N, C-alpha and C. Protein backbone atom coordinates (compact mmCIF):
# COMPACT_ATOMS: atom_id res chain seq x y z
N THR A 1 -17.54 131.08 78.56
CA THR A 1 -16.71 132.52 78.83
C THR A 1 -18.21 133.14 77.94
N LEU A 2 -18.26 134.60 77.77
CA LEU A 2 -19.31 135.64 78.04
C LEU A 2 -19.78 135.37 76.26
N TRP A 3 -18.74 135.19 75.32
CA TRP A 3 -19.35 135.20 74.07
C TRP A 3 -19.65 133.66 74.05
N LEU A 4 -19.65 132.64 74.42
CA LEU A 4 -20.34 131.64 74.38
C LEU A 4 -21.86 131.62 74.93
N ASP A 5 -21.89 132.07 75.98
CA ASP A 5 -23.07 132.42 76.85
C ASP A 5 -23.91 132.93 75.86
N ARG A 6 -23.60 134.24 74.92
CA ARG A 6 -24.47 134.83 73.92
C ARG A 6 -24.53 134.17 72.86
N LEU A 7 -23.76 133.37 72.06
CA LEU A 7 -24.31 132.30 71.11
C LEU A 7 -25.31 131.24 71.78
N ALA A 8 -25.14 130.99 73.23
CA ALA A 8 -26.04 130.05 73.02
C ALA A 8 -27.09 130.64 73.42
N ASP A 9 -27.46 131.96 73.74
CA ASP A 9 -28.76 132.60 73.75
C ASP A 9 -29.16 132.71 72.31
N MET A 10 -28.13 133.11 71.37
CA MET A 10 -28.72 133.40 69.86
C MET A 10 -29.16 132.40 69.39
N GLN A 11 -28.54 130.94 69.82
CA GLN A 11 -29.50 129.26 69.39
C GLN A 11 -30.72 128.85 69.89
N SER A 12 -30.43 129.20 70.98
CA SER A 12 -32.07 129.16 71.73
C SER A 12 -32.86 130.13 71.17
N GLU A 13 -32.73 131.21 70.87
CA GLU A 13 -34.09 132.00 69.79
C GLU A 13 -33.89 131.69 68.50
N PHE A 14 -32.89 131.46 68.15
CA PHE A 14 -33.25 131.02 66.39
C PHE A 14 -32.85 130.15 65.82
N SER A 15 -32.36 128.82 66.60
CA SER A 15 -31.91 127.40 66.31
C SER A 15 -31.76 127.87 65.13
N PHE A 16 -30.37 127.68 64.32
CA PHE A 16 -29.28 127.87 63.50
C PHE A 16 -29.10 126.55 63.13
N GLU A 17 -28.97 126.11 62.04
CA GLU A 17 -29.11 124.84 61.25
C GLU A 17 -27.50 124.04 61.54
N TRP A 18 -26.12 125.29 61.34
CA TRP A 18 -24.65 125.25 61.73
C TRP A 18 -24.24 126.29 62.12
N MET A 19 -22.84 126.50 62.50
CA MET A 19 -22.34 127.65 62.72
C MET A 19 -21.19 127.81 62.20
N SER A 20 -20.69 128.74 61.22
CA SER A 20 -18.98 128.74 61.36
C SER A 20 -18.64 129.92 61.32
N GLU A 21 -17.25 129.62 61.94
CA GLU A 21 -15.96 130.67 61.93
C GLU A 21 -15.20 130.58 61.02
N HIS A 22 -14.25 131.85 61.36
CA HIS A 22 -12.69 132.26 60.67
C HIS A 22 -11.97 130.99 61.49
N LEU A 23 -10.90 131.15 60.71
CA LEU A 23 -9.42 130.29 61.48
C LEU A 23 -8.58 131.10 61.44
N GLY A 24 -7.65 131.35 62.38
CA GLY A 24 -7.03 132.14 62.91
C GLY A 24 -7.15 132.77 64.02
N TRP A 25 -5.98 133.38 64.85
CA TRP A 25 -6.10 134.11 65.84
C TRP A 25 -5.58 135.48 65.95
N SER A 26 -6.19 136.16 66.88
CA SER A 26 -6.26 138.02 66.83
C SER A 26 -6.00 138.68 68.15
N VAL A 27 -5.85 137.69 69.15
CA VAL A 27 -5.27 138.32 70.39
C VAL A 27 -3.95 137.60 70.87
N ALA A 28 -2.99 138.37 71.52
CA ALA A 28 -2.05 138.13 72.03
C ALA A 28 -1.34 139.18 72.69
N GLY A 29 -0.80 139.16 73.94
CA GLY A 29 -0.34 140.01 74.75
C GLY A 29 -1.25 141.34 75.06
N GLY A 30 -2.33 141.76 74.94
CA GLY A 30 -3.47 142.17 74.93
C GLY A 30 -3.42 143.07 74.05
N TRP A 31 -2.70 142.76 72.75
CA TRP A 31 -3.26 143.56 71.53
C TRP A 31 -3.96 142.52 70.65
N HIS A 32 -4.98 143.37 70.00
CA HIS A 32 -5.84 142.98 69.32
C HIS A 32 -6.02 143.40 67.65
N ALA A 33 -6.17 142.65 67.14
CA ALA A 33 -5.49 142.33 65.59
C ALA A 33 -7.15 142.43 64.96
N LEU A 34 -7.31 143.57 64.05
CA LEU A 34 -8.40 143.66 63.15
C LEU A 34 -9.12 142.11 62.06
N LEU A 35 -7.77 141.74 62.11
CA LEU A 35 -8.37 140.12 60.81
C LEU A 35 -7.89 139.25 61.78
N PRO A 36 -8.15 138.26 61.45
CA PRO A 36 -7.52 136.86 61.98
C PRO A 36 -6.31 136.71 61.45
N LEU A 37 -5.06 136.37 62.25
CA LEU A 37 -3.78 136.00 61.58
C LEU A 37 -3.11 134.92 61.62
N PRO A 38 -2.80 134.37 60.33
CA PRO A 38 -2.63 133.23 60.03
C PRO A 38 -1.99 131.98 61.20
N LEU A 39 -2.42 130.93 61.05
CA LEU A 39 -1.82 130.00 62.34
C LEU A 39 -0.60 129.16 61.73
N PRO A 40 0.16 128.87 62.88
CA PRO A 40 1.23 127.61 62.02
C PRO A 40 1.28 126.14 61.87
N PHE A 41 1.48 125.57 60.82
CA PHE A 41 0.73 124.17 60.49
C PHE A 41 0.83 123.32 61.41
N THR A 42 1.03 123.21 62.38
CA THR A 42 1.28 122.10 63.35
C THR A 42 0.23 121.50 63.81
N LYS A 43 0.68 120.20 64.35
CA LYS A 43 -0.67 118.92 65.41
C LYS A 43 -0.92 119.83 66.71
N GLU A 44 0.30 120.94 66.94
CA GLU A 44 -0.25 121.64 67.97
C GLU A 44 -1.50 122.41 67.64
N ALA A 45 -1.55 123.35 66.81
CA ALA A 45 -2.16 124.00 66.60
C ALA A 45 -3.81 123.71 66.01
N ALA A 46 -3.54 122.60 65.46
CA ALA A 46 -5.15 121.96 65.12
C ALA A 46 -5.35 121.41 66.22
N GLY A 47 -4.92 121.06 66.95
CA GLY A 47 -5.63 120.58 68.32
C GLY A 47 -6.00 121.36 68.83
N VAL A 48 -5.68 122.79 69.02
CA VAL A 48 -5.98 124.18 69.92
C VAL A 48 -7.45 124.36 69.09
N VAL A 49 -7.00 124.83 67.51
CA VAL A 49 -8.45 124.80 66.76
C VAL A 49 -9.95 123.93 67.20
N ALA A 50 -9.22 122.82 67.19
CA ALA A 50 -10.35 121.16 67.64
C ALA A 50 -11.39 121.41 68.77
N THR A 51 -10.14 122.26 70.05
CA THR A 51 -10.60 121.82 71.28
C THR A 51 -11.93 123.01 71.41
N ARG A 52 -11.33 124.38 70.78
CA ARG A 52 -12.51 125.23 70.50
C ARG A 52 -13.64 125.13 69.65
N LEU A 53 -13.64 124.15 68.39
CA LEU A 53 -14.36 123.97 67.59
C LEU A 53 -15.21 123.38 68.63
N ARG A 54 -14.67 122.04 69.52
CA ARG A 54 -15.55 121.40 70.19
C ARG A 54 -16.49 122.21 71.09
N GLN A 55 -16.71 123.16 71.79
CA GLN A 55 -16.84 124.08 72.01
C GLN A 55 -18.10 124.49 71.95
N LEU A 56 -17.80 125.26 70.25
CA LEU A 56 -19.28 125.74 69.54
C LEU A 56 -20.07 124.14 69.11
N GLN A 57 -19.59 122.80 69.50
CA GLN A 57 -20.12 121.82 68.91
C GLN A 57 -21.38 121.35 69.91
N ALA A 58 -21.01 122.19 71.28
CA ALA A 58 -21.81 121.94 72.43
C ALA A 58 -23.37 122.65 72.22
N ILE A 59 -23.09 123.71 71.29
CA ILE A 59 -24.37 124.40 71.12
C ILE A 59 -24.87 124.40 69.77
N PHE A 60 -24.14 124.31 68.98
CA PHE A 60 -24.58 124.93 67.23
C PHE A 60 -24.38 123.00 66.99
N PRO A 61 -25.78 122.59 66.00
CA PRO A 61 -25.82 121.08 65.32
C PRO A 61 -24.72 120.92 64.58
N GLU A 62 -24.35 121.93 63.98
CA GLU A 62 -23.49 121.43 63.13
C GLU A 62 -21.94 122.74 63.25
N VAL A 63 -20.77 122.25 63.15
CA VAL A 63 -20.11 123.14 62.96
C VAL A 63 -18.73 123.26 62.03
N ALA A 64 -18.25 124.52 61.11
CA ALA A 64 -17.87 124.42 60.19
C ALA A 64 -16.59 125.69 60.84
N PHE A 65 -15.35 125.18 59.91
CA PHE A 65 -14.26 126.98 59.91
C PHE A 65 -13.79 127.09 58.57
N GLU A 66 -13.39 128.38 58.72
CA GLU A 66 -13.39 128.99 57.02
C GLU A 66 -11.86 129.20 56.24
N THR A 67 -11.99 128.54 55.23
CA THR A 67 -10.68 128.82 54.73
C THR A 67 -9.83 130.14 54.10
N SER A 68 -8.85 130.47 54.80
CA SER A 68 -8.48 131.80 54.90
C SER A 68 -7.75 132.27 53.74
N ALA A 69 -7.77 133.89 54.02
CA ALA A 69 -7.17 134.89 52.88
C ALA A 69 -5.86 135.23 53.46
N ASN A 70 -4.89 134.24 53.99
CA ASN A 70 -3.90 134.81 54.44
C ASN A 70 -3.09 136.00 53.49
N TYR A 71 -1.84 136.79 53.85
CA TYR A 71 -1.19 137.21 53.30
C TYR A 71 0.48 136.91 53.66
N ALA A 72 0.60 135.97 54.84
CA ALA A 72 1.69 136.13 55.18
C ALA A 72 1.14 134.22 55.98
N SER A 73 2.64 133.70 55.61
CA SER A 73 2.76 132.14 56.16
C SER A 73 3.01 131.93 57.11
N PHE A 74 2.86 131.00 57.95
CA PHE A 74 4.02 130.73 59.20
C PHE A 74 4.63 128.84 58.87
N GLY A 75 5.33 129.06 57.74
CA GLY A 75 5.51 127.87 57.35
C GLY A 75 5.26 127.85 55.49
N ASP A 76 5.04 126.17 55.63
CA ASP A 76 5.59 126.64 53.99
C ASP A 76 3.46 126.18 53.46
N ALA A 77 3.27 127.09 52.40
CA ALA A 77 2.47 127.59 52.33
C ALA A 77 1.88 126.25 51.99
N ASP A 78 2.05 125.49 51.25
CA ASP A 78 1.78 123.93 50.55
C ASP A 78 1.17 123.07 51.63
N ALA A 79 1.70 123.41 52.54
CA ALA A 79 0.95 122.32 53.90
C ALA A 79 -0.46 122.80 54.14
N GLU A 80 -0.40 123.71 53.72
CA GLU A 80 -2.53 124.87 54.45
C GLU A 80 -3.03 123.30 54.21
N ALA A 81 -3.62 123.28 53.24
CA ALA A 81 -4.77 121.64 52.94
C ALA A 81 -4.54 120.96 53.85
N ALA A 82 -3.52 120.46 53.88
CA ALA A 82 -3.38 119.33 54.94
C ALA A 82 -3.98 120.00 56.11
N PHE A 83 -3.14 120.76 56.90
CA PHE A 83 -3.72 121.40 58.00
C PHE A 83 -4.94 121.53 58.62
N VAL A 84 -5.65 122.09 57.26
CA VAL A 84 -7.03 122.25 57.08
C VAL A 84 -7.53 120.70 56.96
N ASN A 85 -7.34 119.93 56.73
CA ASN A 85 -8.24 118.68 56.99
C ASN A 85 -7.87 117.97 58.13
N ALA A 86 -6.66 118.33 58.82
CA ALA A 86 -6.01 118.06 60.44
C ALA A 86 -7.13 118.25 61.50
N ILE A 87 -7.36 119.94 61.20
CA ILE A 87 -8.69 120.20 62.01
C ILE A 87 -9.89 119.53 61.92
N ALA A 88 -10.06 119.91 60.69
CA ALA A 88 -11.62 119.12 60.31
C ALA A 88 -11.57 117.53 60.68
N GLU A 89 -10.62 116.94 60.44
CA GLU A 89 -10.67 115.36 60.90
C GLU A 89 -10.67 114.95 62.62
N THR A 90 -9.77 115.95 63.05
CA THR A 90 -9.58 115.87 64.28
C THR A 90 -10.69 116.29 65.21
N THR A 91 -11.51 117.41 64.43
CA THR A 91 -12.84 118.03 65.70
C THR A 91 -13.54 116.85 65.81
N PRO A 92 -14.33 116.26 64.99
CA PRO A 92 -14.75 116.64 63.59
C PRO A 92 -15.88 117.70 63.51
N CYS A 93 -15.37 117.97 62.05
CA CYS A 93 -16.42 119.22 61.74
C CYS A 93 -16.22 119.76 60.59
N GLY A 94 -17.27 120.20 59.86
CA GLY A 94 -16.97 120.86 58.28
C GLY A 94 -16.34 122.00 58.02
N ILE A 95 -16.23 122.33 56.82
CA ILE A 95 -15.11 123.07 56.53
C ILE A 95 -16.31 124.31 55.27
N LEU A 96 -15.98 125.65 55.66
CA LEU A 96 -16.17 126.25 55.06
C LEU A 96 -15.54 126.95 53.62
N LEU A 97 -15.68 126.64 52.54
CA LEU A 97 -15.17 126.97 51.44
C LEU A 97 -15.00 128.34 50.85
N ASP A 98 -14.61 129.13 51.58
CA ASP A 98 -14.42 130.29 50.90
C ASP A 98 -13.24 130.49 48.99
N LEU A 99 -14.12 130.59 48.01
CA LEU A 99 -13.08 130.10 46.79
C LEU A 99 -12.41 131.63 46.52
N HIS A 100 -12.99 132.88 47.01
CA HIS A 100 -11.88 133.79 46.57
C HIS A 100 -10.63 133.64 47.56
N ASN A 101 -11.40 133.63 49.14
CA ASN A 101 -10.12 133.69 49.57
C ASN A 101 -9.04 132.70 49.32
N VAL A 102 -9.58 131.09 48.70
CA VAL A 102 -7.97 130.53 48.21
C VAL A 102 -7.75 131.13 47.04
N TYR A 103 -7.87 131.62 46.60
CA TYR A 103 -7.31 132.55 45.15
C TYR A 103 -6.66 133.13 45.57
N ALA A 104 -7.00 134.36 46.64
CA ALA A 104 -6.49 135.33 47.27
C ALA A 104 -5.56 134.93 47.55
N GLU A 105 -4.83 133.43 48.51
CA GLU A 105 -3.85 132.99 49.06
C GLU A 105 -2.95 132.99 48.05
N SER A 106 -3.16 132.07 46.98
CA SER A 106 -2.82 131.57 46.03
C SER A 106 -2.19 132.50 45.13
N VAL A 107 -2.54 133.82 45.10
CA VAL A 107 -1.73 135.25 44.76
C VAL A 107 -0.53 135.40 45.40
N ASN A 108 -1.32 135.70 47.03
CA ASN A 108 -0.08 136.06 48.08
C ASN A 108 1.07 135.63 48.28
N LEU A 109 0.58 134.14 48.28
CA LEU A 109 1.70 133.16 48.86
C LEU A 109 2.87 132.39 47.64
N GLY A 110 1.61 132.16 46.92
CA GLY A 110 2.44 131.81 45.51
C GLY A 110 2.30 130.26 45.27
N PHE A 111 1.56 130.11 45.70
CA PHE A 111 0.82 128.31 45.13
C PHE A 111 -0.36 128.49 44.09
N ASP A 112 -0.71 126.98 43.77
CA ASP A 112 -2.08 126.55 42.38
C ASP A 112 -3.09 125.89 43.39
N ALA A 113 -3.81 126.94 43.04
CA ALA A 113 -5.26 127.24 43.89
C ALA A 113 -5.72 125.78 43.55
N ARG A 114 -5.93 125.24 42.84
CA ARG A 114 -6.14 123.92 41.50
C ARG A 114 -5.68 123.01 42.48
N VAL A 115 -4.36 122.78 42.78
CA VAL A 115 -3.90 122.14 43.76
C VAL A 115 -4.13 121.95 45.52
N PHE A 116 -4.69 122.96 45.49
CA PHE A 116 -5.07 123.27 47.10
C PHE A 116 -6.27 122.65 46.74
N LEU A 117 -6.98 122.56 46.26
CA LEU A 117 -8.65 122.48 46.34
C LEU A 117 -8.47 120.59 45.82
N GLU A 118 -7.73 120.01 45.33
CA GLU A 118 -7.46 118.84 45.19
C GLU A 118 -6.78 118.31 46.04
N GLN A 119 -5.96 118.86 46.94
CA GLN A 119 -5.90 118.10 48.34
C GLN A 119 -6.69 118.48 49.74
N LEU A 120 -7.43 119.54 49.36
CA LEU A 120 -8.66 119.42 50.41
C LEU A 120 -9.69 118.41 50.50
N ASP A 121 -10.06 118.29 51.68
CA ASP A 121 -11.02 116.76 51.83
C ASP A 121 -12.88 117.52 51.50
N LEU A 122 -13.22 117.50 50.42
CA LEU A 122 -14.05 118.37 49.76
C LEU A 122 -15.43 117.61 50.21
N ASP A 123 -15.71 116.43 50.95
CA ASP A 123 -16.62 115.78 51.35
C ASP A 123 -17.00 116.33 52.85
N ARG A 124 -15.64 117.13 53.39
CA ARG A 124 -16.74 118.19 54.38
C ARG A 124 -16.69 119.70 54.30
N VAL A 125 -17.05 119.64 53.14
CA VAL A 125 -17.34 120.59 52.75
C VAL A 125 -18.64 120.85 53.36
N LEU A 126 -19.24 122.12 54.16
CA LEU A 126 -20.54 122.27 54.77
C LEU A 126 -21.22 123.65 53.79
N GLU A 127 -20.37 124.39 53.34
CA GLU A 127 -20.62 125.52 52.95
C GLU A 127 -19.93 126.44 51.84
N ILE A 128 -19.95 127.15 51.03
CA ILE A 128 -19.35 127.53 50.22
C ILE A 128 -19.51 129.07 50.21
N HIS A 129 -18.23 130.34 50.50
CA HIS A 129 -18.54 131.42 49.97
C HIS A 129 -17.87 131.84 48.45
N LEU A 130 -18.59 132.57 47.74
CA LEU A 130 -17.96 133.28 46.37
C LEU A 130 -18.28 134.70 46.60
N SER A 131 -17.22 135.45 46.44
CA SER A 131 -17.14 136.89 46.15
C SER A 131 -15.88 137.05 45.30
N GLY A 132 -16.08 138.86 45.23
CA GLY A 132 -14.57 139.44 44.63
C GLY A 132 -13.79 140.36 45.60
N GLY A 133 -12.82 141.20 44.86
CA GLY A 133 -11.79 141.80 46.10
C GLY A 133 -11.47 142.51 45.04
N SER A 134 -10.13 142.84 45.56
CA SER A 134 -9.12 144.22 44.50
C SER A 134 -8.14 143.49 45.18
N GLU A 135 -6.80 144.66 44.64
CA GLU A 135 -5.68 144.75 44.88
C GLU A 135 -4.96 145.95 45.92
N SER A 136 -4.27 145.88 46.98
CA SER A 136 -3.55 146.98 47.84
C SER A 136 -2.76 147.64 46.77
N GLU A 137 -3.27 149.02 47.17
CA GLU A 137 -1.74 149.96 46.79
C GLU A 137 -0.73 149.74 47.26
N ALA A 138 -0.03 149.96 46.21
CA ALA A 138 1.62 149.82 46.49
C ALA A 138 2.38 150.40 47.37
N SER A 139 1.69 151.52 47.80
CA SER A 139 2.46 152.64 48.52
C SER A 139 2.15 151.53 50.22
N TRP A 140 1.64 150.87 50.27
CA TRP A 140 1.44 150.51 51.52
C TRP A 140 2.64 149.68 52.16
N MET A 141 3.54 148.81 50.86
CA MET A 141 4.38 148.58 51.65
C MET A 141 5.88 149.04 51.26
N PRO A 142 6.98 149.23 51.77
CA PRO A 142 8.49 149.27 51.30
C PRO A 142 8.65 149.12 49.84
N SER A 143 8.40 147.89 49.86
CA SER A 143 9.04 147.18 48.62
C SER A 143 8.03 147.94 47.62
N GLY A 144 6.90 148.21 47.28
CA GLY A 144 6.07 148.17 46.84
C GLY A 144 5.20 147.36 46.41
N ARG A 145 5.14 146.46 46.52
CA ARG A 145 4.77 144.78 46.83
C ARG A 145 3.13 144.86 47.20
N VAL A 146 2.35 144.38 46.18
CA VAL A 146 0.43 144.55 45.96
C VAL A 146 -0.07 142.94 46.45
N PHE A 147 -1.03 143.09 47.00
CA PHE A 147 -1.29 141.91 47.65
C PHE A 147 -3.04 142.08 46.97
N ARG A 148 -3.17 140.65 47.21
CA ARG A 148 -4.81 140.48 46.74
C ARG A 148 -5.24 140.52 47.81
N LEU A 149 -6.69 141.16 48.12
CA LEU A 149 -7.66 141.25 49.40
C LEU A 149 -8.46 140.83 49.06
N ASP A 150 -9.07 140.09 50.15
CA ASP A 150 -10.21 139.56 50.72
C ASP A 150 -11.05 140.80 50.93
N SER A 151 -11.63 142.02 50.25
CA SER A 151 -12.36 142.72 50.20
C SER A 151 -14.02 142.54 50.52
N HIS A 152 -14.78 141.96 48.93
CA HIS A 152 -15.86 141.94 48.86
C HIS A 152 -16.21 143.19 48.05
N ASP A 153 -15.51 144.18 47.25
CA ASP A 153 -15.54 145.41 46.72
C ASP A 153 -15.30 145.46 45.30
N GLY A 154 -14.98 144.42 44.40
CA GLY A 154 -14.90 144.39 43.28
C GLY A 154 -15.62 142.80 42.91
N PRO A 155 -15.33 143.13 41.48
CA PRO A 155 -16.32 141.89 40.52
C PRO A 155 -15.70 140.57 41.08
N VAL A 156 -15.83 139.02 40.99
CA VAL A 156 -15.51 138.27 40.95
C VAL A 156 -14.16 137.40 40.43
N PRO A 157 -12.91 137.27 40.38
CA PRO A 157 -12.19 137.14 39.03
C PRO A 157 -12.47 135.86 38.12
N GLU A 158 -12.01 136.05 37.06
CA GLU A 158 -12.23 135.12 36.18
C GLU A 158 -11.31 133.75 36.95
N PRO A 159 -10.27 133.91 37.56
CA PRO A 159 -10.08 132.73 38.08
C PRO A 159 -10.79 131.69 38.76
N VAL A 160 -11.86 132.28 39.47
CA VAL A 160 -12.49 131.68 40.61
C VAL A 160 -13.69 131.43 39.99
N TRP A 161 -14.00 132.02 38.99
CA TRP A 161 -15.88 131.49 38.06
C TRP A 161 -15.26 130.16 37.40
N ARG A 162 -13.97 130.15 36.98
CA ARG A 162 -13.50 128.95 36.80
C ARG A 162 -13.54 127.73 37.56
N ILE A 163 -13.51 127.93 38.99
CA ILE A 163 -13.20 127.19 39.75
C ILE A 163 -14.85 126.18 40.02
N THR A 164 -15.72 127.38 39.96
CA THR A 164 -17.24 127.05 39.96
C THR A 164 -17.72 126.27 39.29
N THR A 165 -16.68 126.19 37.58
CA THR A 165 -17.10 124.90 37.14
C THR A 165 -16.34 123.67 37.20
N TRP A 166 -15.35 123.28 38.59
CA TRP A 166 -14.20 122.33 38.14
C TRP A 166 -15.74 121.06 38.91
N SER A 167 -15.48 120.54 38.66
CA SER A 167 -16.37 118.79 39.05
C SER A 167 -16.35 118.90 40.40
N PRO A 168 -15.10 118.67 40.90
CA PRO A 168 -14.94 118.11 42.19
C PRO A 168 -15.82 119.44 43.14
N ILE A 169 -16.17 120.08 42.65
CA ILE A 169 -16.56 121.25 43.46
C ILE A 169 -17.81 121.61 43.06
N THR A 170 -18.35 121.44 41.58
CA THR A 170 -19.63 121.37 41.07
C THR A 170 -20.44 119.81 41.93
N SER A 171 -19.64 118.45 42.13
CA SER A 171 -20.15 117.77 42.51
C SER A 171 -20.00 117.91 43.92
N ALA A 172 -19.62 118.73 44.74
CA ALA A 172 -19.59 118.93 46.28
C ALA A 172 -21.13 119.06 46.77
N SER A 173 -21.46 118.11 47.23
CA SER A 173 -22.51 118.20 48.76
C SER A 173 -22.52 119.04 49.87
N VAL A 174 -23.26 120.27 49.60
CA VAL A 174 -23.26 121.18 50.50
C VAL A 174 -24.52 121.43 50.91
N THR A 175 -24.42 122.32 52.35
CA THR A 175 -25.80 123.09 53.14
C THR A 175 -26.06 123.85 52.34
N GLY A 176 -24.94 125.10 52.30
CA GLY A 176 -25.20 126.27 51.85
C GLY A 176 -24.22 127.04 51.22
N ALA A 177 -24.50 128.13 49.98
CA ALA A 177 -23.51 128.57 49.40
C ALA A 177 -24.26 130.32 49.67
N PHE A 178 -23.43 131.15 49.45
CA PHE A 178 -23.73 132.33 49.84
C PHE A 178 -22.56 133.62 48.92
N GLY A 179 -23.18 134.45 48.02
CA GLY A 179 -22.21 135.36 47.18
C GLY A 179 -22.28 136.26 48.70
N GLU A 180 -20.56 137.22 48.31
CA GLU A 180 -20.69 138.07 49.77
C GLU A 180 -20.07 139.48 48.83
N CYS A 181 -20.65 140.83 48.99
CA CYS A 181 -20.70 141.57 48.24
C CYS A 181 -20.63 143.23 48.79
N THR A 182 -20.03 144.44 49.39
CA THR A 182 -20.04 145.51 49.77
C THR A 182 -20.43 146.41 48.88
N ALA A 183 -21.84 147.33 49.99
CA ALA A 183 -22.22 148.56 49.41
C ALA A 183 -21.39 149.24 48.54
N SER A 184 -19.90 149.15 48.85
CA SER A 184 -18.78 150.04 48.08
C SER A 184 -18.84 149.66 46.37
N TRP A 185 -19.38 148.61 46.74
CA TRP A 185 -19.13 147.93 44.67
C TRP A 185 -21.26 147.99 44.35
N ALA A 186 -20.50 149.24 42.81
CA ALA A 186 -21.48 149.24 42.19
C ALA A 186 -21.85 148.66 40.93
N PRO A 187 -23.14 148.39 40.24
CA PRO A 187 -24.34 148.70 40.81
C PRO A 187 -24.20 147.30 42.09
N VAL A 188 -24.65 147.44 43.18
CA VAL A 188 -24.73 145.98 44.63
C VAL A 188 -25.60 144.99 43.72
N PRO A 189 -27.11 145.81 43.28
CA PRO A 189 -28.13 144.47 43.42
C PRO A 189 -27.56 143.71 42.33
N ALA A 190 -27.01 144.35 41.05
CA ALA A 190 -26.87 143.60 39.69
C ALA A 190 -25.60 142.74 40.28
N SER A 191 -24.82 143.33 40.88
CA SER A 191 -23.25 142.75 40.89
C SER A 191 -23.52 141.34 42.18
N CYS A 192 -24.74 141.06 43.43
CA CYS A 192 -24.91 140.12 43.84
C CYS A 192 -25.66 138.73 42.88
N SER A 193 -26.57 139.46 41.99
CA SER A 193 -27.43 138.36 41.51
C SER A 193 -26.52 138.10 40.99
N ALA A 194 -25.34 138.41 39.94
CA ALA A 194 -24.68 137.94 39.03
C ALA A 194 -23.46 136.63 39.79
N ILE A 195 -23.55 137.20 41.43
CA ILE A 195 -22.90 135.70 42.37
C ILE A 195 -23.84 135.20 42.49
N ALA A 196 -24.79 135.46 42.97
CA ALA A 196 -25.90 133.84 43.24
C ALA A 196 -26.21 133.60 42.47
N SER A 197 -26.53 133.39 40.98
CA SER A 197 -26.61 132.46 40.01
C SER A 197 -25.45 131.62 40.08
N PRO A 198 -24.65 131.82 39.63
CA PRO A 198 -23.52 130.17 39.78
C PRO A 198 -23.45 129.94 41.34
N VAL A 199 -23.89 130.54 42.17
CA VAL A 199 -23.40 129.77 43.68
C VAL A 199 -24.38 128.43 43.20
N SER A 200 -25.65 128.90 42.84
CA SER A 200 -26.53 128.27 42.84
C SER A 200 -26.63 126.76 41.97
N LEU A 201 -25.37 126.89 41.37
CA LEU A 201 -25.25 125.32 40.23
C LEU A 201 -24.39 124.71 41.24
N VAL A 202 -23.66 125.20 41.86
CA VAL A 202 -22.77 124.25 42.69
C VAL A 202 -23.32 124.07 44.03
N THR A 203 -24.76 124.36 44.19
CA THR A 203 -25.12 123.88 45.69
C THR A 203 -26.25 122.71 45.46
N SER A 204 -26.25 121.71 46.69
CA SER A 204 -27.43 120.65 46.60
C SER A 204 -27.52 120.65 47.94
N ARG A 205 -28.74 120.22 48.84
CA ARG A 205 -28.91 120.24 49.55
C ARG A 205 -28.58 118.66 49.96
N ARG A 206 -27.96 118.29 51.47
CA ARG A 206 -27.23 117.17 51.77
C ARG A 206 -28.45 116.50 52.57
N SER A 207 -28.35 115.31 52.12
CA SER A 207 -29.50 114.11 53.00
C SER A 207 -28.92 114.71 54.29
N PRO A 208 -29.95 114.14 55.23
CA PRO A 208 -29.60 113.99 57.01
C PRO A 208 -28.67 113.17 57.21
N SER A 209 -27.80 112.78 57.86
CA SER A 209 -26.81 111.89 58.07
C SER A 209 -27.14 111.35 59.90
């Protein structure tokens, strides 16, 4: 496809060590969503994702997909970690662990973030993201329900900071870690610096396989 051709051109120019992509779908019946939408936690869906990831593996040395920040779930939200593991094993590939995404999903879907991480295959984590966010406005939903947004426009929540000190995370051997923040969050330099320091504590360079 044109998209894969463009990625191949970029890889030829810049020689990236790895490439990661969001997990989800965004096009159906001619409609395009602005954000990745949740997948059903099925063997068939895992197989489709694995097939797409293998197309990227033909271009990049290493490939990973990002843990989601969904606001709804097609099935039992407690089954998501096993679904993520199945994709990583079937492909096989790495996982981009976005800690704020995990926290946001735990708030929105009502599961325990620590249990999710305990079930996740942390040996496959290639990259870690750390960020903040905000809450949606109650007026967005007829019910008045408020969702945790992965909007990168607020401070890192205390529960996410605590995750960075959890020993299975600090001992995970990852290739890269990144702090994410938007220009709307002021003061940006100080905020991003505050993120970068603890990220460096949970990052170690992996030995070549």
